[in-house]
């Protein structure tokens, strides 16, 4: 007998309908809900019940009077209506895995099951929610500062170890802050919470981007934009758009990348408090986009703008915390990478090498990423032995940080060694690569 509590699957004809696919892709829930009614017989009252929404809220969405943007609501819609996660830009949902493929632990034969101590058991999520309601206190500026400190710590640990292990904690804190936004508070506290939620959403998007899970990254970047827009934080919106522009270069969408960074610069120019450091960072992202498109003159112009803005930085500038990473070392190495993207390896090599000498050793991902670019510029100049030595040096920090983006670059470098595959230095690099970054998805073909 079917489980009455389990939501029924949507008809395949609806999930493959181009109109439904497009509506889900842009999260046009007004159209999604109308299609559910007309093509699947799922009426607004049923949508409300399945998605834990009020009927009036569903009616407002259908009438175009309300938009649903928060990630927790989007996830409830996916789970309640059985819309596959990828259609809404989410990770694969747990219910999408057939029961036959779920892994269950086998009980050890003839092994007595240890008694569970009640005090050692964790309360369920529902109990956590009840306890949170019972102990909730008013938030203060000190609470907001604690949230910001934790975000700075997340970024620091992300540089050292990568974001994969951090992501559950970051997402949990994001959900917590989004929950706090549902209550009425003073404008200063409420605006602070929106800013913190936006930064947590961007950080989550970054961890997915660094893992090369681009759909999920885009979903969280978009959520960060919505949250920043609520408080009209145009500098931060520019920051998020710059992240999305960088992702465009990785997805071979250079025209999108340029459009996004141009929009970022427009947002920054419209803000009264945009600092020269922010403008310099955005100009460098513009240079990346132009370089990916092969626009040499435009790339050089954008690099010049980045350096001009950087020279205008003053010690007492009110830089937002999220841009402080863009220091002189980062400016130099990004300048080298922009030249490298254009194929100007001879210009790029000394810049990247100089930045690597200055870079802190705790930034494992940065050292691995920049070493890859140095190796690439050396290989482009025919310096095979030097390039392989540099790439081998990158493998240590790359294996420590757990960044699929960096690991992928180093596997790409191996592919670029194809004409020299039998040279001793290339064979030595291959052996070390296989040892520290085992092959995935058919990489490192023999």
Protein backbone atom coordinates (compact mmCIF):
# COMPACT_ATOMS: atom_id res chain seq x y z
CA UNK A 1 0.00 0.00 0.00
CA UNK A 2 1.38 3.47 -0.84
CA UNK A 3 2.61 5.62 2.01
CA UNK A 4 0.00 8.37 2.46
CA UNK A 5 2.53 10.70 4.07
CA UNK A 6 5.05 10.45 1.25
CA UNK A 7 4.63 13.11 -1.47
CA UNK A 8 3.79 11.58 -4.83
CA UNK A 9 6.22 11.96 -7.71
CA UNK A 10 5.38 14.52 -10.37
CA UNK A 11 4.40 13.20 -13.81
CA UNK A 12 7.38 12.72 -16.10
CA UNK A 13 5.62 14.72 -18.82
CA UNK A 14 5.60 17.74 -16.49
CA UNK A 15 9.22 17.39 -15.38
CA UNK A 16 10.31 17.21 -19.03
CA UNK A 17 8.03 20.03 -20.18
CA UNK A 18 10.29 22.87 -21.52
CA UNK A 19 8.05 25.49 -19.89
CA UNK A 20 8.40 23.76 -16.50
CA UNK A 21 12.17 23.36 -16.95
CA UNK A 22 12.63 27.06 -17.76
CA UNK A 23 10.36 28.15 -14.90
CA UNK A 24 12.35 26.05 -12.41
CA UNK A 25 15.68 27.26 -13.78
CA UNK A 26 14.81 30.91 -13.05
CA UNK A 27 12.74 29.99 -9.96
CA UNK A 28 9.55 31.50 -11.37
CA UNK A 29 7.34 29.86 -8.75
CA UNK A 30 4.24 31.69 -9.94
CA UNK A 31 4.49 29.78 -13.21
CA UNK A 32 5.63 26.58 -11.50
CA UNK A 33 2.57 26.60 -9.25
CA UNK A 34 0.23 27.31 -12.18
CA UNK A 35 1.74 24.44 -14.17
CA UNK A 36 1.32 22.12 -11.18
CA UNK A 37 -2.37 22.96 -11.09
CA UNK A 38 -3.10 22.73 -14.81
CA UNK A 39 -0.85 19.79 -15.72
CA UNK A 40 -0.66 17.71 -12.53
CA UNK A 41 -3.90 18.58 -10.68
CA UNK A 42 -2.00 19.88 -7.65
CA UNK A 43 -4.05 22.79 -6.33
CA UNK A 44 -2.77 25.74 -4.23
CA UNK A 45 -4.04 24.27 -0.97
CA UNK A 46 -2.08 21.06 -1.65
CA UNK A 47 1.03 23.08 -2.59
CA UNK A 48 0.76 25.00 0.67
CA UNK A 49 0.44 21.82 2.73
CA UNK A 50 3.32 20.01 1.01
CA UNK A 51 5.70 22.99 1.15
CA UNK A 52 4.79 24.19 4.66
CA UNK A 53 3.46 27.51 3.32
CA UNK A 54 0.21 29.27 4.11
CA UNK A 55 -2.49 29.13 1.41
CA UNK A 56 -2.57 32.93 1.30
CA UNK A 57 1.18 33.04 0.63
CA UNK A 58 0.83 30.56 -2.23
CA UNK A 59 -2.01 32.69 -3.63
CA UNK A 60 0.17 35.79 -3.47
CA UNK A 61 2.96 33.99 -5.34
CA UNK A 62 0.58 32.85 -8.10
CA UNK A 63 -0.81 36.39 -8.38
CA UNK A 64 2.72 37.80 -8.76
CA UNK A 65 2.50 39.72 -5.48
CA UNK A 66 5.27 37.82 -3.70
CA UNK A 67 8.53 36.13 -4.68
CA UNK A 68 10.09 33.15 -2.91
CA UNK A 69 13.84 33.62 -2.63
CA UNK A 70 15.16 32.18 0.63
CA UNK A 71 17.03 28.90 0.23
CA UNK A 72 15.13 27.10 2.98
CA UNK A 73 11.83 27.83 1.21
CA UNK A 74 13.23 26.73 -2.16
CA UNK A 75 14.41 23.46 -0.58
CA UNK A 76 10.98 22.89 1.01
CA UNK A 77 9.37 23.36 -2.40
CA UNK A 78 11.78 20.89 -4.01
CA UNK A 79 11.18 18.28 -1.30
CA UNK A 80 7.46 18.86 -0.88
CA UNK A 81 6.65 18.79 -4.59
CA UNK A 82 9.32 16.26 -5.57
CA UNK A 83 11.08 18.60 -8.01
CA UNK A 84 14.61 17.21 -8.62
CA UNK A 85 17.27 19.40 -7.03
CA UNK A 86 19.19 20.15 -10.23
CA UNK A 87 16.07 21.75 -11.79
CA UNK A 88 16.11 24.43 -9.06
CA UNK A 89 19.89 24.79 -8.84
CA UNK A 90 20.12 22.70 -5.66
CA UNK A 91 22.20 19.70 -4.69
CA UNK A 92 20.74 16.26 -5.32
CA UNK A 93 17.94 15.71 -2.80
CA UNK A 94 18.08 12.73 -0.46
CA UNK A 95 14.76 11.34 -1.75
CA UNK A 96 16.14 11.20 -5.33
CA UNK A 97 18.28 8.20 -4.40
CA UNK A 98 16.29 4.96 -4.88
CA UNK A 99 15.85 2.91 -1.72
CA UNK A 100 17.70 0.04 -3.39
CA UNK A 101 20.84 2.17 -3.61
CA UNK A 102 20.84 3.40 -0.03
CA UNK A 103 23.67 1.93 2.02
CA UNK A 104 22.77 0.43 5.36
CA UNK A 105 25.22 -0.86 7.90
CA UNK A 106 25.26 -4.60 8.48
CA UNK A 107 25.00 -5.75 12.06
CA UNK A 108 28.12 -7.57 13.18
CA UNK A 109 27.24 -11.24 13.69
CA UNK A 110 26.80 -12.41 17.29
CA UNK A 111 27.98 -9.06 18.60
CA UNK A 112 25.90 -7.76 21.51
CA UNK A 113 24.54 -4.30 20.83
CA UNK A 114 25.88 -1.85 23.41
CA UNK A 115 23.30 -0.17 25.54
CA UNK A 116 22.67 3.42 24.61
CA UNK A 117 23.00 5.91 27.39
CA UNK A 118 20.14 8.42 27.06
CA UNK A 119 22.46 11.26 28.05
CA UNK A 120 24.75 10.46 25.10
CA UNK A 121 21.97 10.85 22.50
CA UNK A 122 21.53 14.08 20.63
CA UNK A 123 18.09 15.69 20.55
CA UNK A 124 16.27 15.69 17.23
CA UNK A 125 15.93 18.82 15.07
CA UNK A 126 12.38 19.43 16.35
CA UNK A 127 13.61 19.49 19.95
CA UNK A 128 16.44 21.83 18.93
CA UNK A 129 13.86 24.22 17.50
CA UNK A 130 11.77 24.10 20.68
CA UNK A 131 14.80 24.73 22.86
CA UNK A 132 15.86 27.63 20.62
CA UNK A 133 12.44 29.23 21.05
CA UNK A 134 12.55 28.75 24.80
CA UNK A 135 16.01 30.26 25.25
CA UNK A 136 15.98 32.97 22.58
CA UNK A 137 17.18 36.35 23.78
CA UNK A 138 17.36 39.71 22.10
CA UNK A 139 20.31 40.19 19.79
CA UNK A 140 22.89 42.89 20.35
CA UNK A 141 25.73 44.48 18.41
CA UNK A 142 28.07 42.08 20.22
CA UNK A 143 26.12 39.12 18.81
CA UNK A 144 26.51 40.47 15.29
CA UNK A 145 30.23 40.93 15.87
CA UNK A 146 30.48 37.30 17.00
CA UNK A 147 28.82 36.21 13.74
CA UNK A 148 31.27 38.33 11.73
CA UNK A 149 34.23 36.90 13.62
CA UNK A 150 33.09 33.38 12.84
CA UNK A 151 32.84 34.28 9.13
CA UNK A 152 36.40 35.63 9.16
CA UNK A 153 37.51 32.40 10.80
CA UNK A 154 35.69 30.35 8.13
CA UNK A 155 37.54 32.24 5.39
CA UNK A 156 40.89 31.75 7.12
CA UNK A 157 40.32 28.01 7.51
CA UNK A 158 39.03 27.82 3.94
CA UNK A 159 42.38 29.17 2.71
CA UNK A 160 44.23 26.62 4.82
CA UNK A 161 42.10 23.49 4.41
CA UNK A 162 39.42 24.12 1.76
CA UNK A 163 35.69 24.51 2.22
CA UNK A 164 34.41 20.94 1.88
CA UNK A 165 34.62 20.12 5.59
CA UNK A 166 33.47 23.62 6.60
CA UNK A 167 30.37 23.72 4.43
CA UNK A 168 27.93 21.93 6.81
CA UNK A 169 28.80 24.38 9.59
CA UNK A 170 28.49 27.38 7.27
CA UNK A 171 25.13 26.25 5.89
CA UNK A 172 23.89 25.53 9.42
CA UNK A 173 24.82 29.04 10.52
CA UNK A 174 23.20 30.49 7.38
CA UNK A 175 19.94 28.70 8.17
CA UNK A 176 20.11 29.95 11.75
CA UNK A 177 20.61 33.58 10.69
CA UNK A 178 17.85 33.37 8.04
CA UNK A 179 15.57 32.08 10.80
CA UNK A 180 16.44 35.07 12.96
CA UNK A 181 15.45 37.39 10.10
CA UNK A 182 11.84 36.25 10.43
CA UNK A 183 11.47 38.10 13.73
CA UNK A 184 10.97 41.83 14.22
CA UNK A 185 14.07 43.64 15.46
CA UNK A 186 15.54 47.11 15.44
CA UNK A 187 16.62 48.31 11.97
CA UNK A 188 20.32 48.30 12.86
CA UNK A 189 20.22 44.69 14.11
CA UNK A 190 17.99 43.54 11.25
CA UNK A 191 20.26 45.13 8.63
CA UNK A 192 23.28 43.58 10.29
CA UNK A 193 21.64 40.16 10.13
CA UNK A 194 20.89 40.60 6.43
CA UNK A 195 24.53 41.47 5.79
CA UNK A 196 25.74 38.44 7.76
CA UNK A 197 23.29 36.14 5.94
CA UNK A 198 24.47 37.53 2.59
CA UNK A 199 28.11 36.86 3.46
CA UNK A 200 27.33 33.32 4.67
CA UNK A 201 25.43 32.62 1.43
CA UNK A 202 28.37 33.95 -0.62
CA UNK A 203 30.81 31.84 1.40
CA UNK A 204 28.65 28.75 0.81
CA UNK A 205 28.58 29.55 -2.90
CA UNK A 206 32.35 29.90 -2.87
CA UNK A 207 32.83 26.45 -1.30
CA UNK A 208 30.67 24.94 -4.04
CA UNK A 209 32.54 26.91 -6.73
CA UNK A 210 35.88 25.73 -5.37
CA UNK A 211 34.50 22.17 -5.54
CA UNK A 212 33.48 22.81 -9.19
CA UNK A 213 29.81 22.28 -8.33
CA UNK A 214 28.69 25.26 -10.34
CA UNK A 215 24.89 24.95 -10.20
CA UNK A 216 24.89 24.92 -6.42
CA UNK A 217 27.40 27.77 -6.34
CA UNK A 218 25.21 29.92 -8.57
CA UNK A 219 22.16 29.21 -6.42
CA UNK A 220 23.89 30.43 -3.26
CA UNK A 221 25.50 33.40 -5.02
CA UNK A 222 22.03 34.40 -6.23
CA UNK A 223 20.69 34.07 -2.69
CA UNK A 224 23.52 36.31 -1.46
CA UNK A 225 22.51 38.92 -4.04
CA UNK A 226 18.89 38.86 -2.86
CA UNK A 227 19.92 39.26 0.78
CA UNK A 228 22.30 42.15 0.04
CA UNK A 229 19.65 43.85 -2.07
CA UNK A 230 17.29 43.86 0.92
CA UNK A 231 19.61 46.36 2.64
CA UNK A 232 20.83 48.03 -0.56
CA UNK A 233 24.45 47.00 0.10
CA UNK A 234 25.71 47.77 -3.40
CA UNK A 235 29.37 47.15 -2.63
CA UNK A 236 28.56 43.64 -1.49
CA UNK A 237 26.30 43.05 -4.48
CA UNK A 238 29.27 44.04 -6.64
CA UNK A 239 31.40 41.51 -4.74
CA UNK A 240 28.93 38.69 -5.38
CA UNK A 241 28.60 39.59 -9.07
CA UNK A 242 32.40 39.53 -9.30
CA UNK A 243 32.37 35.98 -7.87
CA UNK A 244 29.80 34.96 -10.47
CA UNK A 245 31.94 36.58 -13.16
CA UNK A 246 34.94 34.51 -12.09
CA UNK A 247 32.80 31.39 -12.23
CA UNK A 248 31.81 32.33 -15.78
CA UNK A 249 35.45 32.10 -16.86
CA UNK A 250 35.58 28.54 -15.48
CA UNK A 251 32.39 27.52 -17.28
CA UNK A 252 33.68 28.78 -20.64
CA UNK A 253 31.14 31.59 -20.66
CA UNK A 254 33.42 34.61 -21.12
CA UNK A 255 30.64 36.85 -22.48
CA UNK A 256 28.58 36.15 -19.34
CA UNK A 257 31.66 36.78 -17.24
CA UNK A 258 32.18 40.20 -18.80
CA UNK A 259 28.50 41.12 -18.43
CA UNK A 260 28.52 40.14 -14.76
CA UNK A 261 31.68 42.07 -13.87
CA UNK A 262 30.38 45.11 -15.77
CA UNK A 263 27.21 44.93 -13.67
CA UNK A 264 29.40 44.65 -10.57
CA UNK A 265 31.25 47.81 -11.50
CA UNK A 266 27.95 49.63 -12.10
CA UNK A 267 26.78 48.63 -8.61
CA UNK A 268 30.06 49.78 -7.08
CA UNK A 269 29.96 53.14 -8.86
CA UNK A 270 26.41 53.73 -7.64
CA UNK A 271 27.45 53.24 -3.99
CA UNK A 272 28.69 56.29 -2.13
CA UNK A 273 31.22 54.40 0.01
CA UNK A 274 32.97 52.22 -2.57
CA UNK A 275 36.70 52.21 -1.78
CA UNK A 276 39.66 52.18 -4.21
CA UNK A 277 40.54 48.64 -3.08
CA UNK A 278 37.10 47.37 -4.12
CA UNK A 279 37.40 49.18 -7.46
CA UNK A 280 40.87 47.71 -8.01
CA UNK A 281 39.64 44.17 -7.36
CA UNK A 282 36.71 44.65 -9.77
CA UNK A 283 39.00 46.03 -12.49
CA UNK A 284 41.19 42.96 -12.17
CA UNK A 285 38.13 40.70 -12.53
CA UNK A 286 37.28 42.69 -15.66
CA UNK A 287 40.81 41.99 -16.93
CA UNK A 288 40.23 38.25 -16.40
CA UNK A 289 37.02 38.40 -18.44
CA UNK A 290 38.66 40.30 -21.31
CA UNK A 291 41.67 37.97 -21.26
CA UNK A 292 39.40 34.93 -21.50
CA UNK A 293 37.76 36.55 -24.53
CA UNK A 294 41.20 37.26 -26.01
CA UNK A 295 40.70 41.04 -25.94
CA UNK A 296 44.32 42.13 -25.55
CA UNK A 297 43.88 45.92 -25.54
CA UNK A 298 40.89 45.77 -23.18
CA UNK A 299 42.78 43.44 -20.84
CA UNK A 300 45.74 45.80 -20.66
CA UNK A 301 43.43 48.77 -20.06
CA UNK A 302 41.63 46.97 -17.21
CA UNK A 303 44.97 45.95 -15.64
CA UNK A 304 46.04 49.59 -15.79
CA UNK A 305 42.80 50.65 -14.08
CA UNK A 306 43.34 48.06 -11.34
CA UNK A 307 46.80 49.45 -10.59
CA UNK A 308 45.58 53.07 -10.76
CA UNK A 309 42.82 52.39 -8.22
CA UNK A 310 45.25 50.46 -6.00
CA UNK A 311 47.62 53.43 -5.87
CA UNK A 312 44.74 55.52 -4.47
CA UNK A 313 44.29 53.29 -1.41
CA UNK A 314 44.74 55.06 1.92
CA UNK A 315 45.33 53.48 5.32
CA UNK A 316 42.09 54.86 6.80
CA UNK A 317 39.84 53.76 3.91
CA UNK A 318 36.62 52.10 5.20
CA UNK A 319 37.31 48.85 3.33
CA UNK A 320 34.74 46.09 3.93
CA UNK A 321 36.32 43.03 5.54
CA UNK A 322 35.63 40.83 2.51
CA UNK A 323 38.04 42.80 0.28
CA UNK A 324 41.05 43.06 2.62
CA UNK A 325 42.53 39.92 1.02
CA UNK A 326 43.20 42.00 -2.11
CA UNK A 327 46.61 43.29 -1.06
CA UNK A 328 49.68 44.17 -3.14
CA UNK A 329 50.71 40.52 -3.42
CA UNK A 330 47.29 39.58 -4.76
CA UNK A 331 47.35 42.50 -7.22
CA UNK A 332 50.73 41.36 -8.56
CA UNK A 333 49.83 37.69 -8.93
CA UNK A 334 46.46 38.49 -10.55
CA UNK A 335 48.23 40.81 -12.98
CA UNK A 336 50.50 37.92 -13.90
CA UNK A 337 47.56 35.54 -14.31
CA UNK A 338 45.73 38.02 -16.57
CA UNK A 339 48.82 38.24 -18.81
CA UNK A 340 49.11 34.44 -18.67
CA UNK A 341 45.51 34.05 -19.83
CA UNK A 342 46.38 36.21 -22.83
CA UNK A 343 49.36 34.01 -23.66
CA UNK A 344 51.89 36.64 -22.58
CA UNK A 345 53.92 34.11 -20.59
CA UNK A 346 57.18 36.07 -20.57
CA UNK A 347 55.45 39.02 -18.86
CA UNK A 348 53.43 36.80 -16.53
CA UNK A 349 56.22 34.57 -15.16
CA UNK A 350 58.28 37.10 -13.13
CA UNK A 351 55.10 38.68 -11.69
CA UNK A 352 53.70 35.37 -10.43
CA UNK A 353 57.11 34.25 -9.16
CA UNK A 354 57.52 37.50 -7.22
CA UNK A 355 54.07 37.15 -5.63
CA UNK A 356 54.77 33.54 -4.63
CA UNK A 357 57.90 34.64 -2.78
CA UNK A 358 55.79 37.09 -0.77
CA UNK A 359 52.79 34.85 -0.15
CA UNK A 360 52.11 33.51 3.33
CA UNK A 361 52.68 29.77 3.73
CA UNK A 362 49.40 29.29 5.60
CA UNK A 363 47.43 30.09 2.42
CA UNK A 364 47.69 26.57 1.06
CA UNK A 365 45.19 26.97 -1.76
CA UNK A 366 46.66 30.26 -2.92
CA UNK A 367 50.18 28.83 -3.07
CA UNK A 368 49.01 25.76 -4.99
CA UNK A 369 46.87 27.79 -7.40
CA UNK A 370 49.54 30.38 -8.10
CA UNK A 371 52.24 27.72 -8.47
CA UNK A 372 50.10 26.08 -11.14
CA UNK A 373 49.94 29.37 -13.04
CA UNK A 374 53.69 29.84 -12.72
CA UNK A 375 54.27 26.32 -14.05
CA UNK A 376 51.91 26.98 -16.95
CA UNK A 377 53.73 30.17 -17.97
CA UNK A 378 57.06 28.34 -17.76
CA UNK A 379 55.76 25.50 -19.92
CA UNK A 380 54.39 27.99 -22.46
CA UNK A 381 57.97 29.29 -22.82
CA UNK A 382 59.40 25.82 -23.34
CA UNK A 383 60.98 25.60 -19.86
CA UNK A 384 59.92 21.98 -19.34
CA UNK A 385 62.18 21.04 -16.41
CA UNK A 386 61.45 24.26 -14.53
CA UNK A 387 57.70 23.94 -15.16
CA UNK A 388 57.55 20.36 -13.90
CA UNK A 389 59.54 21.30 -10.80
CA UNK A 390 57.15 24.20 -10.05
CA UNK A 391 54.06 22.03 -10.62
CA UNK A 392 55.48 19.33 -8.34
CA UNK A 393 55.93 21.94 -5.61
CA UNK A 394 52.23 22.80 -5.99
CA UNK A 395 51.12 19.24 -5.25
CA UNK A 396 51.89 19.42 -1.51
CA UNK A 397 49.63 22.36 -0.66
CA UNK A 398 47.05 21.15 -3.22
CA UNK A 399 46.71 17.80 -1.46
CA UNK A 400 46.46 19.56 1.92
CA UNK A 401 43.72 21.99 0.97
CA UNK A 402 41.29 19.64 -0.77
CA UNK A 403 40.22 22.04 -3.55
CA UNK A 404 38.87 20.29 -6.65
CA UNK A 405 39.38 23.54 -8.55
CA UNK A 406 43.13 23.49 -7.83
CA UNK A 407 43.41 19.72 -8.29
CA UNK A 408 41.68 20.08 -11.64
CA UNK A 409 44.18 22.71 -12.75
CA UNK A 410 47.10 20.44 -11.91
CA UNK A 411 45.52 17.57 -13.86
CA UNK A 412 45.09 20.00 -16.76
CA UNK A 413 48.80 20.74 -16.50
CA UNK A 414 49.47 17.01 -16.82
CA UNK A 415 47.37 16.95 -19.99
CA UNK A 416 49.46 19.85 -21.35
CA UNK A 417 52.55 17.68 -20.88
CA UNK A 418 51.31 15.24 -23.54
CA UNK A 419 54.08 16.08 -26.07
CA UNK A 420 56.72 15.51 -23.35
CA UNK A 421 55.08 12.58 -21.56
CA UNK A 422 58.17 10.32 -21.78
CA UNK A 423 60.65 12.88 -20.48
CA UNK A 424 62.05 11.98 -17.03
CA UNK A 425 60.82 15.22 -15.43
CA UNK A 426 57.32 14.67 -16.79
CA UNK A 427 57.30 11.05 -15.57
CA UNK A 428 58.43 12.19 -12.12
CA UNK A 429 55.64 14.77 -11.98
CA UNK A 430 53.09 12.17 -13.09
CA UNK A 431 54.18 9.75 -10.37
CA UNK A 432 53.93 12.42 -7.69
CA UNK A 433 50.57 13.57 -9.04
CA UNK A 434 49.14 10.05 -8.91
CA UNK A 435 50.44 9.68 -5.36
CA UNK A 436 49.06 12.93 -3.92
CA UNK A 437 46.01 13.58 -6.13
CA UNK A 438 44.59 10.19 -7.16
CA UNK A 439 42.80 10.17 -10.52
CA UNK A 440 39.08 10.83 -10.67
CA UNK A 441 36.50 10.50 -13.46
CA UNK A 442 38.99 9.11 -15.95
CA UNK A 443 41.63 11.79 -15.37
CA UNK A 444 45.31 10.99 -15.86
CA UNK A 445 44.85 8.72 -18.81
CA UNK A 446 47.91 6.47 -19.26
